[in-house]
Amino acid sequence: MSTPSPRWFKSSHSGAQEGNCVETARLGAPIGIRDSKDLTIGHLEVQSAAWVALITGLAGT
């Protein structure tokens, strides 16, 4: 049985230009974060709790 490819989502705050996007995906337990301008450089993985802390901090709540 093969592992399905992750479904990547573009940030709604990345702007209208196609090349300036941050994408995220759930990779099992960790969250993947990548720059859609260059998919060959891979992605960063963070634990879900760290992702929630980052988003909460950025939102100012």
PDB file of N, CA and C in Angstrom:
ATOM      1  N   MET A   1       0.849  -1.172   0.000  1.00  0.00           N
ATOM      2  CA  MET A   1       0.000   0.000   0.000  1.00  0.00           C
ATOM      3  C   MET A   1       0.894   1.235   0.000  1.00  0.00           C
ATOM      4  N   SER A   2       0.651   2.163  -0.918  1.00  0.00           N
ATOM      5  CA  SER A   2       1.476   3.366  -1.002  1.00  0.00           C
ATOM      6  C   SER A   2       0.873   4.482  -0.159  1.00  0.00           C
ATOM      7  N   THR A   3       1.744   5.376   0.283  1.00  0.00           N
ATOM      8  CA  THR A   3       1.315   6.537   1.064  1.00  0.00           C
ATOM      9  C   THR A   3       0.790   7.601   0.111  1.00  0.00           C
ATOM     10  N   PRO A   4      -0.400   8.134   0.357  1.00  0.00           N
ATOM     11  CA  PRO A   4      -0.926   9.174  -0.537  1.00  0.00           C
ATOM     12  C   PRO A   4      -0.098  10.452  -0.443  1.00  0.00           C
ATOM     13  N   SER A   5      -0.048  11.181  -1.539  1.00  0.00           N
ATOM     14  CA  SER A   5       0.663  12.465  -1.552  1.00  0.00           C
ATOM     15  C   SER A   5      -0.095  13.459  -0.686  1.00  0.00           C
ATOM     16  N   PRO A   6       0.640  14.309   0.034  1.00  0.00           N
ATOM     17  CA  PRO A   6      -0.048  15.312   0.863  1.00  0.00           C
ATOM     18  C   PRO A   6      -0.786  16.322  -0.007  1.00  0.00           C
ATOM     19  N   ARG A   7      -1.857  16.855   0.518  1.00  0.00           N
ATOM     20  CA  ARG A   7      -2.615  17.903  -0.169  1.00  0.00           C
ATOM     21  C   ARG A   7      -2.136  19.248   0.364  1.00  0.00           C
ATOM     22  N   TRP A   8      -1.492  20.023  -0.491  1.00  0.00           N
ATOM     23  CA  TRP A   8      -0.924  21.316  -0.108  1.00  0.00           C
ATOM     24  C   TRP A   8      -1.951  22.421  -0.327  1.00  0.00           C
ATOM     25  N   PHE A   9      -1.988  23.375   0.612  1.00  0.00           N
ATOM     26  CA  PHE A   9      -2.904  24.506   0.561  1.00  0.00           C
ATOM     27  C   PHE A   9      -2.111  25.803   0.530  1.00  0.00           C
ATOM     28  N   LYS A  10      -2.483  26.707  -0.378  1.00  0.00           N
ATOM     29  CA  LYS A  10      -1.829  28.019  -0.456  1.00  0.00           C
ATOM     30  C   LYS A  10      -2.461  28.977   0.536  1.00  0.00           C
ATOM     31  N   SER A  11      -1.631  29.820   1.117  1.00  0.00           N
ATOM     32  CA  SER A  11      -2.115  30.830   2.049  1.00  0.00           C
ATOM     33  C   SER A  11      -2.976  31.853   1.329  1.00  0.00           C
ATOM     34  N   SER A  12      -4.056  32.234   1.956  1.00  0.00           N
ATOM     35  CA  SER A  12      -4.906  33.279   1.376  1.00  0.00           C
ATOM     36  C   SER A  12      -4.254  34.655   1.489  1.00  0.00           C
ATOM     37  N   HIS A  13      -3.178  34.769   2.250  1.00  0.00           N
ATOM     38  CA  HIS A  13      -2.472  36.043   2.430  1.00  0.00           C
ATOM     39  C   HIS A  13      -1.205  36.129   1.588  1.00  0.00           C
ATOM     40  N   SER A  14      -1.042  35.232   0.636  1.00  0.00           N
ATOM     41  CA  SER A  14       0.170  35.218  -0.177  1.00  0.00           C
ATOM     42  C   SER A  14       0.140  36.232  -1.304  1.00  0.00           C
ATOM     43  N   GLY A  15      -0.979  36.841  -1.545  1.00  0.00           N
ATOM     44  CA  GLY A  15      -1.080  37.841  -2.599  1.00  0.00           C
ATOM     45  C   GLY A  15      -1.613  37.236  -3.877  1.00  0.00           C
ATOM     46  N   ALA A  16      -1.900  38.096  -4.819  1.00  0.00           N
ATOM     47  CA  ALA A  16      -2.500  37.664  -6.079  1.00  0.00           C
ATOM     48  C   ALA A  16      -1.494  37.061  -7.042  1.00  0.00           C
ATOM     49  N   GLN A  17      -0.217  37.341  -6.842  1.00  0.00           N
ATOM     50  CA  GLN A  17       0.801  36.821  -7.758  1.00  0.00           C
ATOM     51  C   GLN A  17       0.976  35.329  -7.528  1.00  0.00           C
ATOM     52  N   GLU A  18       1.003  34.582  -8.618  1.00  0.00           N
ATOM     53  CA  GLU A  18       1.104  33.120  -8.546  1.00  0.00           C
ATOM     54  C   GLU A  18       2.365  32.634  -7.850  1.00  0.00           C
ATOM     55  N   GLY A  19       3.482  33.358  -7.965  1.00  0.00           N
ATOM     56  CA  GLY A  19       4.751  32.852  -7.470  1.00  0.00           C
ATOM     57  C   GLY A  19       5.057  33.126  -6.010  1.00  0.00           C
ATOM     58  N   ASN A  20       4.278  33.960  -5.338  1.00  0.00           N
ATOM     59  CA  ASN A  20       4.593  34.346  -3.964  1.00  0.00           C
ATOM     60  C   ASN A  20       3.661  33.662  -2.979  1.00  0.00           C
ATOM     61  N   CYS A  21       3.830  32.368  -2.812  1.00  0.00           N
ATOM     62  CA  CYS A  21       2.902  31.631  -1.968  1.00  0.00           C
ATOM     63  C   CYS A  21       3.620  30.772  -0.929  1.00  0.00           C
ATOM     64  N   VAL A  22       3.029  30.743   0.241  1.00  0.00           N
ATOM     65  CA  VAL A  22       3.413  29.792   1.268  1.00  0.00           C
ATOM     66  C   VAL A  22       2.338  28.722   1.257  1.00  0.00           C
ATOM     67  N   GLU A  23       2.754  27.460   1.277  1.00  0.00           N
ATOM     68  CA  GLU A  23       1.805  26.362   1.264  1.00  0.00           C
ATOM     69  C   GLU A  23       1.997  25.512   2.510  1.00  0.00           C
ATOM     70  N   THR A  24       0.909  24.923   2.986  1.00  0.00           N
ATOM     71  CA  THR A  24       0.968  24.034   4.139  1.00  0.00           C
ATOM     72  C   THR A  24       0.243  22.733   3.809  1.00  0.00           C
ATOM     73  N   ALA A  25       0.615  21.674   4.515  1.00  0.00           N
ATOM     74  CA  ALA A  25      -0.046  20.375   4.361  1.00  0.00           C
ATOM     75  C   ALA A  25       0.075  19.602   5.659  1.00  0.00           C
ATOM     76  N   ARG A  26      -0.931  18.805   5.958  1.00  0.00           N
ATOM     77  CA  ARG A  26      -0.844  17.898   7.099  1.00  0.00           C
ATOM     78  C   ARG A  26      -0.102  16.658   6.612  1.00  0.00           C
ATOM     79  N   LEU A  27       1.011  16.363   7.263  1.00  0.00           N
ATOM     80  CA  LEU A  27       1.861  15.236   6.879  1.00  0.00           C
ATOM     81  C   LEU A  27       1.801  14.148   7.946  1.00  0.00           C
ATOM     82  N   GLY A  28       0.631  13.731   8.298  1.00  0.00           N
ATOM     83  CA  GLY A  28       0.470  12.841   9.436  1.00  0.00           C
ATOM     84  C   GLY A  28       0.383  13.709  10.672  1.00  0.00           C
ATOM     85  N   ALA A  29       1.288  13.513  11.632  1.00  0.00           N
ATOM     86  CA  ALA A  29       1.287  14.352  12.835  1.00  0.00           C
ATOM     87  C   ALA A  29       1.877  15.732  12.576  1.00  0.00           C
ATOM     88  N   PRO A  30       3.012  15.843  11.873  1.00  0.00           N
ATOM     89  CA  PRO A  30       3.563  17.187  11.666  1.00  0.00           C
ATOM     90  C   PRO A  30       2.819  17.950  10.568  1.00  0.00           C
ATOM     91  N   ILE A  31       3.050  19.254  10.555  1.00  0.00           N
ATOM     92  CA  ILE A  31       2.542  20.144   9.513  1.00  0.00           C
ATOM     93  C   ILE A  31       3.719  20.482   8.603  1.00  0.00           C
ATOM     94  N   GLY A  32       3.504  20.391   7.299  1.00  0.00           N
ATOM     95  CA  GLY A  32       4.541  20.757   6.335  1.00  0.00           C
ATOM     96  C   GLY A  32       4.328  22.184   5.874  1.00  0.00           C
ATOM     97  N   ILE A  33       5.420  22.919   5.717  1.00  0.00           N
ATOM     98  CA  ILE A  33       5.384  24.298   5.232  1.00  0.00           C
ATOM     99  C   ILE A  33       6.405  24.399   4.106  1.00  0.00           C
ATOM    100  N   ARG A  34       5.991  24.955   2.964  1.00  0.00           N
ATOM    101  CA  ARG A  34       6.936  25.078   1.848  1.00  0.00           C
ATOM    102  C   ARG A  34       6.692  26.367   1.076  1.00  0.00           C
ATOM    103  N   ASP A  35       7.701  26.749   0.326  1.00  0.00           N
ATOM    104  CA  ASP A  35       7.646  27.912  -0.556  1.00  0.00           C
ATOM    105  C   ASP A  35       7.305  27.398  -1.951  1.00  0.00           C
ATOM    106  N   SER A  36       6.188  27.810  -2.489  1.00  0.00           N
ATOM    107  CA  SER A  36       5.755  27.272  -3.782  1.00  0.00           C
ATOM    108  C   SER A  36       6.583  27.788  -4.958  1.00  0.00           C
ATOM    109  N   LYS A  37       7.456  28.774  -4.734  1.00  0.00           N
ATOM    110  CA  LYS A  37       8.301  29.263  -5.822  1.00  0.00           C
ATOM    111  C   LYS A  37       9.357  28.251  -6.223  1.00  0.00           C
ATOM    112  N   ASP A  38       9.778  27.385  -5.289  1.00  0.00           N
ATOM    113  CA  ASP A  38      10.809  26.399  -5.595  1.00  0.00           C
ATOM    114  C   ASP A  38      10.532  25.119  -4.806  1.00  0.00           C
ATOM    115  N   LEU A  39       9.787  24.216  -5.399  1.00  0.00           N
ATOM    116  CA  LEU A  39       9.406  22.977  -4.727  1.00  0.00           C
ATOM    117  C   LEU A  39      10.572  22.001  -4.591  1.00  0.00           C
ATOM    118  N   THR A  40      11.680  22.260  -5.294  1.00  0.00           N
ATOM    119  CA  THR A  40      12.827  21.351  -5.225  1.00  0.00           C
ATOM    120  C   THR A  40      13.601  21.486  -3.918  1.00  0.00           C
ATOM    121  N   ILE A  41      13.376  22.555  -3.152  1.00  0.00           N
ATOM    122  CA  ILE A  41      14.137  22.742  -1.908  1.00  0.00           C
ATOM    123  C   ILE A  41      13.498  22.046  -0.712  1.00  0.00           C
ATOM    124  N   GLY A  42      12.359  21.383  -0.946  1.00  0.00           N
ATOM    125  CA  GLY A  42      11.742  20.624   0.133  1.00  0.00           C
ATOM    126  C   GLY A  42      10.816  21.467   0.991  1.00  0.00           C
ATOM    127  N   HIS A  43      10.598  20.978   2.205  1.00  0.00           N
ATOM    128  CA  HIS A  43       9.667  21.654   3.102  1.00  0.00           C
ATOM    129  C   HIS A  43      10.171  21.553   4.539  1.00  0.00           C
ATOM    130  N   LEU A  44       9.605  22.384   5.379  1.00  0.00           N
ATOM    131  CA  LEU A  44       9.887  22.398   6.808  1.00  0.00           C
ATOM    132  C   LEU A  44       8.754  21.659   7.498  1.00  0.00           C
ATOM    133  N   GLU A  45       9.067  20.821   8.483  1.00  0.00           N
ATOM    134  CA  GLU A  45       8.036  20.133   9.258  1.00  0.00           C
ATOM    135  C   GLU A  45       8.047  20.647  10.689  1.00  0.00           C
ATOM    136  N   VAL A  46       6.868  20.981  11.202  1.00  0.00           N
ATOM    137  CA  VAL A  46       6.718  21.415  12.595  1.00  0.00           C
ATOM    138  C   VAL A  46       5.597  20.607  13.235  1.00  0.00           C
ATOM    139  N   GLN A  47       5.675  20.411  14.521  1.00  0.00           N
ATOM    140  CA  GLN A  47       4.630  19.705  15.238  1.00  0.00           C
ATOM    141  C   GLN A  47       3.378  20.571  15.297  1.00  0.00           C
ATOM    142  N   SER A  48       2.235  19.917  15.408  1.00  0.00           N
ATOM    143  CA  SER A  48       0.948  20.628  15.395  1.00  0.00           C
ATOM    144  C   SER A  48       0.876  21.710  16.466  1.00  0.00           C
ATOM    145  N   ALA A  49       1.368  21.428  17.663  1.00  0.00           N
ATOM    146  CA  ALA A  49       1.318  22.418  18.746  1.00  0.00           C
ATOM    147  C   ALA A  49       2.146  23.657  18.404  1.00  0.00           C
ATOM    148  N   ALA A  50       3.285  23.464  17.760  1.00  0.00           N
ATOM    149  CA  ALA A  50       4.123  24.594  17.354  1.00  0.00           C
ATOM    150  C   ALA A  50       3.439  25.409  16.265  1.00  0.00           C
ATOM    151  N   TRP A  51       2.752  24.725  15.353  1.00  0.00           N
ATOM    152  CA  TRP A  51       2.020  25.413  14.290  1.00  0.00           C
ATOM    153  C   TRP A  51       0.897  26.270  14.873  1.00  0.00           C
ATOM    154  N   VAL A  52       0.142  25.718  15.797  1.00  0.00           N
ATOM    155  CA  VAL A  52      -0.945  26.454  16.439  1.00  0.00           C
ATOM    156  C   VAL A  52      -0.387  27.669  17.183  1.00  0.00           C
ATOM    157  N   ALA A  53       0.732  27.508  17.877  1.00  0.00           N
ATOM    158  CA  ALA A  53       1.351  28.622  18.596  1.00  0.00           C
ATOM    159  C   ALA A  53       1.789  29.718  17.623  1.00  0.00           C
ATOM    160  N   LEU A  54       2.345  29.331  16.481  1.00  0.00           N
ATOM    161  CA  LEU A  54       2.780  30.308  15.493  1.00  0.00           C
ATOM    162  C   LEU A  54       1.589  31.086  14.940  1.00  0.00           C
ATOM    163  N   ILE A  55       0.561  30.384  14.509  1.00  0.00           N
ATOM    164  CA  ILE A  55      -0.615  31.034  13.929  1.00  0.00           C
ATOM    165  C   ILE A  55      -1.312  31.917  14.963  1.00  0.00           C
ATOM    166  N   THR A  56      -1.424  31.443  16.180  1.00  0.00           N
ATOM    167  CA  THR A  56      -2.042  32.219  17.250  1.00  0.00           C
ATOM    168  C   THR A  56      -1.256  33.497  17.507  1.00  0.00           C
ATOM    169  N   GLY A  57       0.076  33.382  17.551  1.00  0.00           N
ATOM    170  CA  GLY A  57       0.921  34.549  17.753  1.00  0.00           C
ATOM    171  C   GLY A  57       0.825  35.548  16.628  1.00  0.00           C
ATOM    172  N   LEU A  58       0.781  35.051  15.394  1.00  0.00           N
ATOM    173  CA  LEU A  58       0.668  35.951  14.245  1.00  0.00           C
ATOM    174  C   LEU A  58      -0.692  36.656  14.194  1.00  0.00           C
ATOM    175  N   ALA A  59      -1.718  35.957  14.662  1.00  0.00           N
ATOM    176  CA  ALA A  59      -3.066  36.528  14.669  1.00  0.00           C
ATOM    177  C   ALA A  59      -3.251  37.523  15.810  1.00  0.00           C
ATOM    178  N   GLY A  60      -2.343  37.497  16.789  1.00  0.00           N
ATOM    179  CA  GLY A  60      -2.430  38.413  17.904  1.00  0.00           C
ATOM    180  C   GLY A  60      -3.510  38.070  18.905  1.00  0.00           C
ATOM    181  N   THR A  61      -3.867  36.789  18.961  1.00  0.00           N
ATOM    182  CA  THR A  61      -4.905  36.373  19.924  1.00  0.00           C
ATOM    183  C   THR A  61      -4.303  35.562  21.035  1.00  0.00           C
TER     184      THR A  61
END
